All heavy atoms as atom14 arrays in JSON, in Angstrom:
{
  "sequence": "EKMDGEIPVNLLRFTVLSGESRIMAKLPEHFWSREDIHEYDVLPPNPL",
  "atom14_mask": [
    [1, 1, 1, 1, 1, 1, 1, 1, 1, 0, 0, 0, 0, 0],
    [1, 1, 1, 1, 1, 1, 1, 1, 1, 0, 0, 0, 0, 0],
    [1, 1, 1, 1, 1, 1, 1, 1, 0, 0, 0, 0, 0, 0],
    [1, 1, 1, 1, 1, 1, 1, 1, 0, 0, 0, 0, 0, 0],
    [1, 1, 1, 1, 0, 0, 0, 0, 0, 0, 0, 0, 0, 0],
    [1, 1, 1, 1, 1, 1, 1, 1, 1, 0, 0, 0, 0, 0],
    [1, 1, 1, 1, 1, 1, 1, 1, 0, 0, 0, 0, 0, 0],
    [1, 1, 1, 1, 1, 1, 1, 0, 0, 0, 0, 0, 0, 0],
    [1, 1, 1, 1, 1, 1, 1, 0, 0, 0, 0, 0, 0, 0],
    [1, 1, 1, 1, 1, 1, 1, 1, 0, 0, 0, 0, 0, 0],
    [1, 1, 1, 1, 1, 1, 1, 1, 0, 0, 0, 0, 0, 0],
    [1, 1, 1, 1, 1, 1, 1, 1, 0, 0, 0, 0, 0, 0],
    [1, 1, 1, 1, 1, 1, 1, 1, 1, 1, 1, 0, 0, 0],
    [1, 1, 1, 1, 1, 1, 1, 1, 1, 1, 1, 0, 0, 0],
    [1, 1, 1, 1, 1, 1, 1, 0, 0, 0, 0, 0, 0, 0],
    [1, 1, 1, 1, 1, 1, 1, 0, 0, 0, 0, 0, 0, 0],
    [1, 1, 1, 1, 1, 1, 1, 1, 0, 0, 0, 0, 0, 0],
    [1, 1, 1, 1, 1, 1, 0, 0, 0, 0, 0, 0, 0, 0],
    [1, 1, 1, 1, 0, 0, 0, 0, 0, 0, 0, 0, 0, 0],
    [1, 1, 1, 1, 1, 1, 1, 1, 1, 0, 0, 0, 0, 0],
    [1, 1, 1, 1, 1, 1, 0, 0, 0, 0, 0, 0, 0, 0],
    [1, 1, 1, 1, 1, 1, 1, 1, 1, 1, 1, 0, 0, 0],
    [1, 1, 1, 1, 1, 1, 1, 1, 0, 0, 0, 0, 0, 0],
    [1, 1, 1, 1, 1, 1, 1, 1, 0, 0, 0, 0, 0, 0],
    [1, 1, 1, 1, 1, 0, 0, 0, 0, 0, 0, 0, 0, 0],
    [1, 1, 1, 1, 1, 1, 1, 1, 1, 0, 0, 0, 0, 0],
    [1, 1, 1, 1, 1, 1, 1, 1, 0, 0, 0, 0, 0, 0],
    [1, 1, 1, 1, 1, 1, 1, 0, 0, 0, 0, 0, 0, 0],
    [1, 1, 1, 1, 1, 1, 1, 1, 1, 0, 0, 0, 0, 0],
    [1, 1, 1, 1, 1, 1, 1, 1, 1, 1, 0, 0, 0, 0],
    [1, 1, 1, 1, 1, 1, 1, 1, 1, 1, 1, 0, 0, 0],
    [1, 1, 1, 1, 1, 1, 1, 1, 1, 1, 1, 1, 1, 1],
    [1, 1, 1, 1, 1, 1, 0, 0, 0, 0, 0, 0, 0, 0],
    [1, 1, 1, 1, 1, 1, 1, 1, 1, 1, 1, 0, 0, 0],
    [1, 1, 1, 1, 1, 1, 1, 1, 1, 0, 0, 0, 0, 0],
    [1, 1, 1, 1, 1, 1, 1, 1, 0, 0, 0, 0, 0, 0],
    [1, 1, 1, 1, 1, 1, 1, 1, 0, 0, 0, 0, 0, 0],
    [1, 1, 1, 1, 1, 1, 1, 1, 1, 1, 0, 0, 0, 0],
    [1, 1, 1, 1, 1, 1, 1, 1, 1, 0, 0, 0, 0, 0],
    [1, 1, 1, 1, 1, 1, 1, 1, 1, 1, 1, 1, 0, 0],
    [1, 1, 1, 1, 1, 1, 1, 1, 0, 0, 0, 0, 0, 0],
    [1, 1, 1, 1, 1, 1, 1, 0, 0, 0, 0, 0, 0, 0],
    [1, 1, 1, 1, 1, 1, 1, 1, 0, 0, 0, 0, 0, 0],
    [1, 1, 1, 1, 1, 1, 1, 0, 0, 0, 0, 0, 0, 0],
    [1, 1, 1, 1, 1, 1, 1, 0, 0, 0, 0, 0, 0, 0],
    [1, 1, 1, 1, 1, 1, 1, 1, 0, 0, 0, 0, 0, 0],
    [1, 1, 1, 1, 1, 1, 1, 0, 0, 0, 0, 0, 0, 0],
    [1, 1, 1, 1, 1, 1, 1, 1, 0, 0, 0, 0, 0, 0]
  ],
  "atom14_positions": [
    [[0.83, -1.2, 0.0], [0.0, 0.0, 0.0], [0.87, 1.25, 0.0], [0.56, 2.23, -0.66], [-0.92, -0.01, 1.21], [-1.96, -1.13, 1.18], [-2.84, -1.09, 2.41], [-2.66, -0.16, 3.23], [-3.7, -1.97, 2.56], [0.0, 0.0, 0.0], [0.0, 0.0, 0.0], [0.0, 0.0, 0.0], [0.0, 0.0, 0.0], [0.0, 0.0, 0.0]],
    [[1.97, 1.22, 0.74], [2.86, 2.37, 0.77], [3.51, 2.58, -0.59], [3.68, 3.71, -1.06], [3.93, 2.18, 1.85], [4.97, 3.29, 1.89], [4.34, 4.64, 2.17], [5.39, 5.73, 2.21], [4.8, 7.05, 2.39], [0.0, 0.0, 0.0], [0.0, 0.0, 0.0], [0.0, 0.0, 0.0], [0.0, 0.0, 0.0], [0.0, 0.0, 0.0]],
    [[3.87, 1.49, -1.25], [4.5, 1.59, -2.56], [3.58, 2.25, -3.57], [4.0, 3.05, -4.39], [4.93, 0.2, -3.05], [6.12, -0.37, -2.31], [6.59, -1.98, -2.95], [8.01, -2.35, -1.94], [0.0, 0.0, 0.0], [0.0, 0.0, 0.0], [0.0, 0.0, 0.0], [0.0, 0.0, 0.0], [0.0, 0.0, 0.0], [0.0, 0.0, 0.0]],
    [[2.3, 1.9, -3.52], [1.36, 2.52, -4.45], [1.28, 4.01, -4.21], [1.21, 4.81, -5.13], [-0.04, 1.9, -4.29], [-0.02, 0.43, -4.67], [0.94, 0.02, -5.32], [-0.96, -0.29, -4.3], [0.0, 0.0, 0.0], [0.0, 0.0, 0.0], [0.0, 0.0, 0.0], [0.0, 0.0, 0.0], [0.0, 0.0, 0.0], [0.0, 0.0, 0.0]],
    [[1.28, 4.39, -2.93], [1.17, 5.8, -2.62], [2.38, 6.61, -3.07], [2.3, 7.8, -3.25], [0.0, 0.0, 0.0], [0.0, 0.0, 0.0], [0.0, 0.0, 0.0], [0.0, 0.0, 0.0], [0.0, 0.0, 0.0], [0.0, 0.0, 0.0], [0.0, 0.0, 0.0], [0.0, 0.0, 0.0], [0.0, 0.0, 0.0], [0.0, 0.0, 0.0]],
    [[3.52, 5.96, -3.24], [4.72, 6.68, -3.63], [4.76, 6.97, -5.12], [5.57, 7.77, -5.57], [5.96, 5.88, -3.23], [6.2, 5.84, -1.73], [7.43, 5.03, -1.39], [7.93, 4.32, -2.28], [7.88, 5.1, -0.25], [0.0, 0.0, 0.0], [0.0, 0.0, 0.0], [0.0, 0.0, 0.0], [0.0, 0.0, 0.0], [0.0, 0.0, 0.0]],
    [[3.96, 6.31, -5.93], [3.97, 6.53, -7.37], [3.26, 7.84, -7.67], [2.1, 8.02, -7.3], [3.29, 5.37, -8.11], [3.94, 4.04, -7.74], [3.35, 5.58, -9.61], [3.29, 2.85, -8.39], [0.0, 0.0, 0.0], [0.0, 0.0, 0.0], [0.0, 0.0, 0.0], [0.0, 0.0, 0.0], [0.0, 0.0, 0.0], [0.0, 0.0, 0.0]],
    [[3.91, 8.77, -8.34], [3.22, 10.01, -8.7], [2.01, 9.73, -9.58], [2.02, 8.81, -10.4], [4.29, 10.8, -9.47], [5.59, 10.22, -9.03], [5.32, 8.78, -8.75], [0.0, 0.0, 0.0], [0.0, 0.0, 0.0], [0.0, 0.0, 0.0], [0.0, 0.0, 0.0], [0.0, 0.0, 0.0], [0.0, 0.0, 0.0], [0.0, 0.0, 0.0]],
    [[0.98, 10.51, -9.41], [-0.27, 10.25, -10.13], [-0.09, 10.43, -11.63], [-0.73, 9.73, -12.43], [-1.39, 11.17, -9.59], [-1.09, 12.63, -9.89], [-2.75, 10.78, -10.14], [0.0, 0.0, 0.0], [0.0, 0.0, 0.0], [0.0, 0.0, 0.0], [0.0, 0.0, 0.0], [0.0, 0.0, 0.0], [0.0, 0.0, 0.0], [0.0, 0.0, 0.0]],
    [[0.79, 11.34, -12.06], [1.0, 11.49, -13.5], [1.7, 10.28, -14.1], [1.47, 9.92, -15.26], [1.77, 12.77, -13.81], [3.14, 12.8, -13.18], [3.46, 12.0, -12.31], [3.97, 13.73, -13.61], [0.0, 0.0, 0.0], [0.0, 0.0, 0.0], [0.0, 0.0, 0.0], [0.0, 0.0, 0.0], [0.0, 0.0, 0.0], [0.0, 0.0, 0.0]],
    [[2.54, 9.61, -13.32], [3.16, 8.37, -13.79], [2.12, 7.26, -13.9], [2.18, 6.44, -14.84], [4.29, 7.96, -12.84], [5.02, 6.65, -13.16], [5.56, 6.66, -14.58], [6.14, 6.41, -12.15], [0.0, 0.0, 0.0], [0.0, 0.0, 0.0], [0.0, 0.0, 0.0], [0.0, 0.0, 0.0], [0.0, 0.0, 0.0], [0.0, 0.0, 0.0]],
    [[1.18, 7.23, -12.98], [0.11, 6.24, -13.07], [-0.75, 6.48, -14.32], [-1.11, 5.53, -15.02], [-0.77, 6.31, -11.82], [-0.12, 5.83, -10.51], [-1.05, 6.12, -9.33], [0.19, 4.35, -10.57], [0.0, 0.0, 0.0], [0.0, 0.0, 0.0], [0.0, 0.0, 0.0], [0.0, 0.0, 0.0], [0.0, 0.0, 0.0], [0.0, 0.0, 0.0]],
    [[-1.07, 7.74, -14.58], [-1.88, 8.04, -15.77], [-1.13, 7.64, -17.04], [-1.71, 7.05, -17.96], [-2.22, 9.53, -15.81], [-3.16, 10.0, -14.71], [-3.65, 11.41, -14.98], [-4.44, 11.94, -13.89], [-4.04, 12.91, -13.08], [-2.86, 13.47, -13.26], [-4.81, 13.34, -12.1], [0.0, 0.0, 0.0], [0.0, 0.0, 0.0], [0.0, 0.0, 0.0]],
    [[0.16, 7.97, -17.1], [0.93, 7.61, -18.28], [1.0, 6.1, -18.46], [0.92, 5.59, -19.59], [2.35, 8.19, -18.18], [3.28, 7.67, -19.22], [3.16, 8.06, -20.54], [4.28, 6.75, -18.89], [4.02, 7.57, -21.51], [5.13, 6.26, -19.86], [5.01, 6.67, -21.17], [0.0, 0.0, 0.0], [0.0, 0.0, 0.0], [0.0, 0.0, 0.0]],
    [[1.14, 5.38, -17.36], [1.22, 3.92, -17.45], [-0.04, 3.34, -18.05], [0.01, 2.45, -18.92], [1.46, 3.33, -16.05], [2.68, 3.86, -15.51], [1.55, 1.82, -16.1], [0.0, 0.0, 0.0], [0.0, 0.0, 0.0], [0.0, 0.0, 0.0], [0.0, 0.0, 0.0], [0.0, 0.0, 0.0], [0.0, 0.0, 0.0], [0.0, 0.0, 0.0]],
    [[-1.19, 3.83, -17.63], [-2.46, 3.31, -18.14], [-2.66, 3.71, -19.59], [-3.04, 2.9, -20.44], [-3.63, 3.8, -17.27], [-4.97, 3.36, -17.85], [-3.48, 3.29, -15.84], [0.0, 0.0, 0.0], [0.0, 0.0, 0.0], [0.0, 0.0, 0.0], [0.0, 0.0, 0.0], [0.0, 0.0, 0.0], [0.0, 0.0, 0.0], [0.0, 0.0, 0.0]],
    [[-2.39, 4.98, -19.92], [-2.66, 5.47, -21.27], [-1.66, 4.95, -22.3], [-1.99, 4.87, -23.49], [-2.64, 7.01, -21.27], [-3.75, 7.69, -20.47], [-3.55, 9.2, -20.48], [-5.12, 7.34, -21.02], [0.0, 0.0, 0.0], [0.0, 0.0, 0.0], [0.0, 0.0, 0.0], [0.0, 0.0, 0.0], [0.0, 0.0, 0.0], [0.0, 0.0, 0.0]],
    [[-0.47, 4.6, -21.86], [0.53, 4.1, -22.81], [0.1, 2.77, -23.43], [0.46, 2.48, -24.58], [1.88, 3.95, -22.12], [1.84, 2.92, -21.14], [0.0, 0.0, 0.0], [0.0, 0.0, 0.0], [0.0, 0.0, 0.0], [0.0, 0.0, 0.0], [0.0, 0.0, 0.0], [0.0, 0.0, 0.0], [0.0, 0.0, 0.0], [0.0, 0.0, 0.0]],
    [[-0.63, 1.98, -22.67], [-1.04, 0.68, -23.18], [0.08, -0.33, -23.24], [-0.1, -1.43, -23.79], [0.0, 0.0, 0.0], [0.0, 0.0, 0.0], [0.0, 0.0, 0.0], [0.0, 0.0, 0.0], [0.0, 0.0, 0.0], [0.0, 0.0, 0.0], [0.0, 0.0, 0.0], [0.0, 0.0, 0.0], [0.0, 0.0, 0.0], [0.0, 0.0, 0.0]],
    [[1.25, -0.02, -22.7], [2.39, -0.93, -22.72], [2.21, -1.97, -21.61], [2.2, -1.65, -20.43], [3.69, -0.16, -22.51], [4.04, 0.81, -23.62], [4.53, 0.08, -24.87], [4.78, -1.14, -24.79], [4.64, 0.75, -25.91], [0.0, 0.0, 0.0], [0.0, 0.0, 0.0], [0.0, 0.0, 0.0], [0.0, 0.0, 0.0], [0.0, 0.0, 0.0]],
    [[2.1, -3.22, -22.01], [1.87, -4.29, -21.04], [3.04, -4.44, -20.08], [2.85, -4.77, -18.9], [1.61, -5.61, -21.77], [2.69, -5.93, -22.62], [0.0, 0.0, 0.0], [0.0, 0.0, 0.0], [0.0, 0.0, 0.0], [0.0, 0.0, 0.0], [0.0, 0.0, 0.0], [0.0, 0.0, 0.0], [0.0, 0.0, 0.0], [0.0, 0.0, 0.0]],
    [[4.25, -4.18, -20.56], [5.43, -4.32, -19.69], [5.4, -3.3, -18.55], [5.83, -3.61, -17.43], [6.7, -4.14, -20.52], [7.02, -5.29, -21.44], [8.21, -4.97, -22.33], [9.37, -4.52, -21.57], [10.51, -4.12, -22.11], [10.64, -4.1, -23.44], [11.52, -3.72, -21.35], [0.0, 0.0, 0.0], [0.0, 0.0, 0.0], [0.0, 0.0, 0.0]],
    [[4.91, -2.1, -18.85], [4.84, -1.08, -17.8], [3.67, -1.36, -16.87], [3.8, -1.29, -15.64], [4.71, 0.33, -18.41], [5.82, 0.58, -19.43], [4.77, 1.39, -17.32], [5.72, 1.91, -20.14], [0.0, 0.0, 0.0], [0.0, 0.0, 0.0], [0.0, 0.0, 0.0], [0.0, 0.0, 0.0], [0.0, 0.0, 0.0], [0.0, 0.0, 0.0]],
    [[2.51, -1.68, -17.43], [1.33, -1.92, -16.6], [1.5, -3.12, -15.69], [0.91, -3.19, -14.61], [0.1, -2.11, -17.5], [-0.29, -0.84, -18.25], [-1.88, -0.99, -19.11], [-1.44, -2.15, -20.4], [0.0, 0.0, 0.0], [0.0, 0.0, 0.0], [0.0, 0.0, 0.0], [0.0, 0.0, 0.0], [0.0, 0.0, 0.0], [0.0, 0.0, 0.0]],
    [[2.34, -4.08, -16.1], [2.56, -5.27, -15.27], [3.3, -4.93, -13.98], [3.26, -5.71, -13.02], [3.34, -6.31, -16.06], [0.0, 0.0, 0.0], [0.0, 0.0, 0.0], [0.0, 0.0, 0.0], [0.0, 0.0, 0.0], [0.0, 0.0, 0.0], [0.0, 0.0, 0.0], [0.0, 0.0, 0.0], [0.0, 0.0, 0.0], [0.0, 0.0, 0.0]],
    [[3.97, -3.8, -13.93], [4.69, -3.4, -12.73], [3.77, -2.83, -11.65], [4.19, -2.67, -10.5], [5.76, -2.36, -13.08], [6.8, -2.85, -14.09], [7.58, -4.05, -13.57], [8.63, -4.51, -14.57], [9.38, -5.69, -14.08], [0.0, 0.0, 0.0], [0.0, 0.0, 0.0], [0.0, 0.0, 0.0], [0.0, 0.0, 0.0], [0.0, 0.0, 0.0]],
    [[2.55, -2.49, -12.02], [1.6, -1.98, -11.03], [1.0, -3.14, -10.24], [0.82, -4.23, -10.78], [0.5, -1.18, -11.72], [0.93, 0.08, -12.48], [-0.27, 0.74, -13.14], [1.61, 1.07, -11.54], [0.0, 0.0, 0.0], [0.0, 0.0, 0.0], [0.0, 0.0, 0.0], [0.0, 0.0, 0.0], [0.0, 0.0, 0.0], [0.0, 0.0, 0.0]],
    [[0.66, -2.93, -8.98], [0.06, -4.01, -8.18], [-1.33, -4.37, -8.69], [-2.02, -3.56, -9.31], [0.01, -3.41, -6.77], [0.01, -1.93, -6.99], [0.83, -1.68, -8.22], [0.0, 0.0, 0.0], [0.0, 0.0, 0.0], [0.0, 0.0, 0.0], [0.0, 0.0, 0.0], [0.0, 0.0, 0.0], [0.0, 0.0, 0.0], [0.0, 0.0, 0.0]],
    [[-1.75, -5.56, -8.4], [-3.03, -6.05, -8.91], [-4.2, -5.25, -8.35], [-5.17, -4.97, -9.07], [-3.2, -7.53, -8.56], [-2.23, -8.46, -9.29], [-2.5, -9.91, -8.98], [-3.49, -10.19, -8.26], [-1.72, -10.77, -9.43], [0.0, 0.0, 0.0], [0.0, 0.0, 0.0], [0.0, 0.0, 0.0], [0.0, 0.0, 0.0], [0.0, 0.0, 0.0]],
    [[-4.13, -4.89, -7.09], [-5.28, -4.19, -6.49], [-5.46, -2.79, -7.06], [-6.51, -2.17, -6.86], [-5.15, -4.14, -4.97], [-3.97, -3.34, -4.49], [-3.97, -1.96, -4.39], [-2.75, -3.73, -4.06], [-2.82, -1.55, -3.93], [-2.06, -2.59, -3.72], [0.0, 0.0, 0.0], [0.0, 0.0, 0.0], [0.0, 0.0, 0.0], [0.0, 0.0, 0.0]],
    [[-4.44, -2.26, -7.76], [-4.6, -0.95, -8.38], [-5.7, -0.98, -9.43], [-6.45, -0.02, -9.6], [-3.28, -0.51, -9.01], [-3.39, 0.7, -9.89], [-3.48, 1.97, -9.34], [-3.44, 0.58, -11.27], [-3.59, 3.09, -10.14], [-3.55, 1.69, -12.09], [-3.63, 2.95, -11.52], [0.0, 0.0, 0.0], [0.0, 0.0, 0.0], [0.0, 0.0, 0.0]],
    [[-5.81, -2.1, -10.15], [-6.77, -2.19, -11.24], [-8.2, -2.38, -10.76], [-9.13, -2.37, -11.55], [-6.39, -3.33, -12.18], [-5.02, -3.15, -12.75], [-3.87, -3.77, -12.37], [-4.64, -2.24, -13.78], [-2.8, -3.32, -13.1], [-3.24, -2.38, -13.99], [-5.34, -1.32, -14.57], [-2.55, -1.64, -14.94], [-4.64, -0.59, -15.52], [-3.27, -0.75, -15.69]],
    [[-8.38, -2.53, -9.47], [-9.74, -2.64, -8.93], [-10.33, -1.29, -8.57], [-11.47, -1.22, -8.11], [-9.73, -3.55, -7.69], [-8.92, -2.99, -6.66], [0.0, 0.0, 0.0], [0.0, 0.0, 0.0], [0.0, 0.0, 0.0], [0.0, 0.0, 0.0], [0.0, 0.0, 0.0], [0.0, 0.0, 0.0], [0.0, 0.0, 0.0], [0.0, 0.0, 0.0]],
    [[-9.59, -0.22, -8.78], [-10.11, 1.12, -8.5], [-11.25, 1.45, -9.45], [-11.29, 1.0, -10.59], [-8.99, 2.17, -8.63], [-7.87, 1.99, -7.63], [-6.8, 3.04, -7.82], [-7.34, 4.39, -7.74], [-6.76, 5.41, -7.15], [-5.6, 5.23, -6.54], [-7.3, 6.59, -7.15], [0.0, 0.0, 0.0], [0.0, 0.0, 0.0], [0.0, 0.0, 0.0]],
    [[-12.15, 2.3, -8.99], [-13.32, 2.64, -9.79], [-13.11, 3.88, -10.67], [-14.0, 4.23, -11.44], [-14.52, 2.88, -8.86], [-14.93, 1.63, -8.08], [-16.13, 1.9, -7.19], [-16.56, 3.07, -7.13], [-16.62, 0.95, -6.55], [0.0, 0.0, 0.0], [0.0, 0.0, 0.0], [0.0, 0.0, 0.0], [0.0, 0.0, 0.0], [0.0, 0.0, 0.0]],
    [[-11.98, 4.55, -10.52], [-11.76, 5.78, -11.29], [-10.71, 5.58, -12.38], [-10.07, 6.53, -12.82], [-11.32, 6.92, -10.36], [-10.1, 6.56, -9.51], [-9.67, 5.39, -9.57], [-9.59, 7.44, -8.81], [0.0, 0.0, 0.0], [0.0, 0.0, 0.0], [0.0, 0.0, 0.0], [0.0, 0.0, 0.0], [0.0, 0.0, 0.0], [0.0, 0.0, 0.0]],
    [[-10.55, 4.34, -12.83], [-9.61, 4.06, -13.92], [-10.41, 3.79, -15.18], [-10.64, 2.64, -15.57], [-8.69, 2.87, -13.59], [-7.99, 3.09, -12.27], [-7.64, 2.69, -14.69], [-7.1, 1.96, -11.85], [0.0, 0.0, 0.0], [0.0, 0.0, 0.0], [0.0, 0.0, 0.0], [0.0, 0.0, 0.0], [0.0, 0.0, 0.0], [0.0, 0.0, 0.0]],
    [[-10.87, 4.84, -15.8], [-11.55, 4.74, -17.09], [-10.63, 5.35, -18.14], [-10.02, 6.4, -17.91], [-12.89, 5.47, -17.05], [-13.81, 4.98, -15.99], [-14.28, 3.69, -15.94], [-14.35, 5.61, -14.91], [-15.08, 3.53, -14.9], [-15.13, 4.68, -14.25], [0.0, 0.0, 0.0], [0.0, 0.0, 0.0], [0.0, 0.0, 0.0], [0.0, 0.0, 0.0]],
    [[-10.56, 4.71, -19.27], [-9.61, 5.14, -20.28], [-9.92, 6.54, -20.79], [-9.01, 7.28, -21.18], [-9.62, 4.16, -21.45], [-8.39, 4.23, -22.31], [-8.3, 3.07, -23.27], [-9.35, 2.66, -23.78], [-7.19, 2.59, -23.52], [0.0, 0.0, 0.0], [0.0, 0.0, 0.0], [0.0, 0.0, 0.0], [0.0, 0.0, 0.0], [0.0, 0.0, 0.0]],
    [[-11.17, 6.95, -20.77], [-11.51, 8.3, -21.23], [-11.19, 9.36, -20.19], [-11.14, 10.56, -20.51], [-12.99, 8.36, -21.62], [-13.94, 8.3, -20.45], [-14.37, 9.45, -19.8], [-14.42, 7.08, -19.97], [-15.23, 9.4, -18.72], [-15.29, 7.01, -18.9], [-15.69, 8.17, -18.28], [-16.54, 8.11, -17.2], [0.0, 0.0, 0.0], [0.0, 0.0, 0.0]],
    [[-10.95, 8.94, -18.93], [-10.64, 9.9, -17.86], [-9.93, 9.15, -16.74], [-10.55, 8.74, -15.76], [-11.92, 10.57, -17.36], [-11.63, 11.78, -16.48], [-10.46, 12.21, -16.43], [-12.57, 12.32, -15.87], [0.0, 0.0, 0.0], [0.0, 0.0, 0.0], [0.0, 0.0, 0.0], [0.0, 0.0, 0.0], [0.0, 0.0, 0.0], [0.0, 0.0, 0.0]],
    [[-8.63, 8.98, -16.88], [-7.85, 8.18, -15.94], [-7.51, 9.01, -14.71], [-6.9, 10.08, -14.82], [-6.57, 7.66, -16.6], [-5.76, 6.83, -15.61], [-6.9, 6.85, -17.84], [0.0, 0.0, 0.0], [0.0, 0.0, 0.0], [0.0, 0.0, 0.0], [0.0, 0.0, 0.0], [0.0, 0.0, 0.0], [0.0, 0.0, 0.0], [0.0, 0.0, 0.0]],
    [[-7.91, 8.51, -13.55], [-7.58, 9.12, -12.27], [-7.82, 10.63, -12.27], [-6.89, 11.44, -12.17], [-6.12, 8.84, -11.91], [-5.72, 7.37, -11.75], [-4.23, 7.24, -11.51], [-6.5, 6.71, -10.64], [0.0, 0.0, 0.0], [0.0, 0.0, 0.0], [0.0, 0.0, 0.0], [0.0, 0.0, 0.0], [0.0, 0.0, 0.0], [0.0, 0.0, 0.0]],
    [[-9.06, 11.04, -12.4], [-9.34, 12.49, -12.36], [-9.04, 13.06, -10.98], [-8.99, 12.33, -9.98], [-10.84, 12.55, -12.66], [-11.38, 11.23, -12.22], [-10.28, 10.23, -12.49], [0.0, 0.0, 0.0], [0.0, 0.0, 0.0], [0.0, 0.0, 0.0], [0.0, 0.0, 0.0], [0.0, 0.0, 0.0], [0.0, 0.0, 0.0], [0.0, 0.0, 0.0]],
    [[-8.78, 14.37, -10.9], [-8.58, 14.98, -9.58], [-9.79, 14.77, -8.7], [-10.92, 14.64, -9.18], [-8.39, 16.47, -9.91], [-8.0, 16.5, -11.34], [-8.67, 15.33, -11.99], [0.0, 0.0, 0.0], [0.0, 0.0, 0.0], [0.0, 0.0, 0.0], [0.0, 0.0, 0.0], [0.0, 0.0, 0.0], [0.0, 0.0, 0.0], [0.0, 0.0, 0.0]],
    [[-9.55, 14.71, -7.41], [-10.65, 14.45, -6.49], [-11.69, 15.55, -6.6], [-11.41, 16.72, -6.34], [-10.13, 14.4, -5.05], [-9.25, 13.19, -4.82], [-9.45, 12.15, -5.43], [-8.26, 13.33, -3.96], [0.0, 0.0, 0.0], [0.0, 0.0, 0.0], [0.0, 0.0, 0.0], [0.0, 0.0, 0.0], [0.0, 0.0, 0.0], [0.0, 0.0, 0.0]],
    [[-12.9, 15.21, -7.02], [-13.94, 16.24, -7.16], [-14.51, 16.64, -5.82], [-14.45, 15.89, -4.85], [-14.99, 15.55, -8.03], [-14.85, 14.1, -7.69], [-13.39, 13.87, -7.39], [0.0, 0.0, 0.0], [0.0, 0.0, 0.0], [0.0, 0.0, 0.0], [0.0, 0.0, 0.0], [0.0, 0.0, 0.0], [0.0, 0.0, 0.0], [0.0, 0.0, 0.0]],
    [[-15.06, 17.82, -5.77], [-15.76, 18.26, -4.57], [-17.06, 17.48, -4.43], [-17.68, 17.11, -5.42], [-16.05, 19.75, -4.65], [-14.82, 20.67, -4.71], [-15.28, 22.11, -4.82], [-13.96, 20.49, -3.49], [0.0, 0.0, 0.0], [0.0, 0.0, 0.0], [0.0, 0.0, 0.0], [0.0, 0.0, 0.0], [0.0, 0.0, 0.0], [0.0, 0.0, 0.0]]
  ]
}
């Protein structure tokens, strides 16, 4: 959990949008269970 928190959010967005399987494989499995990972809007800023 701490490791996930250390990844900058822009690096996470780039990893998802790049579509590179080698990069995405480095992310933990539970990351992909998030509800805000949509390809049209990856990890949007926390809304009010």
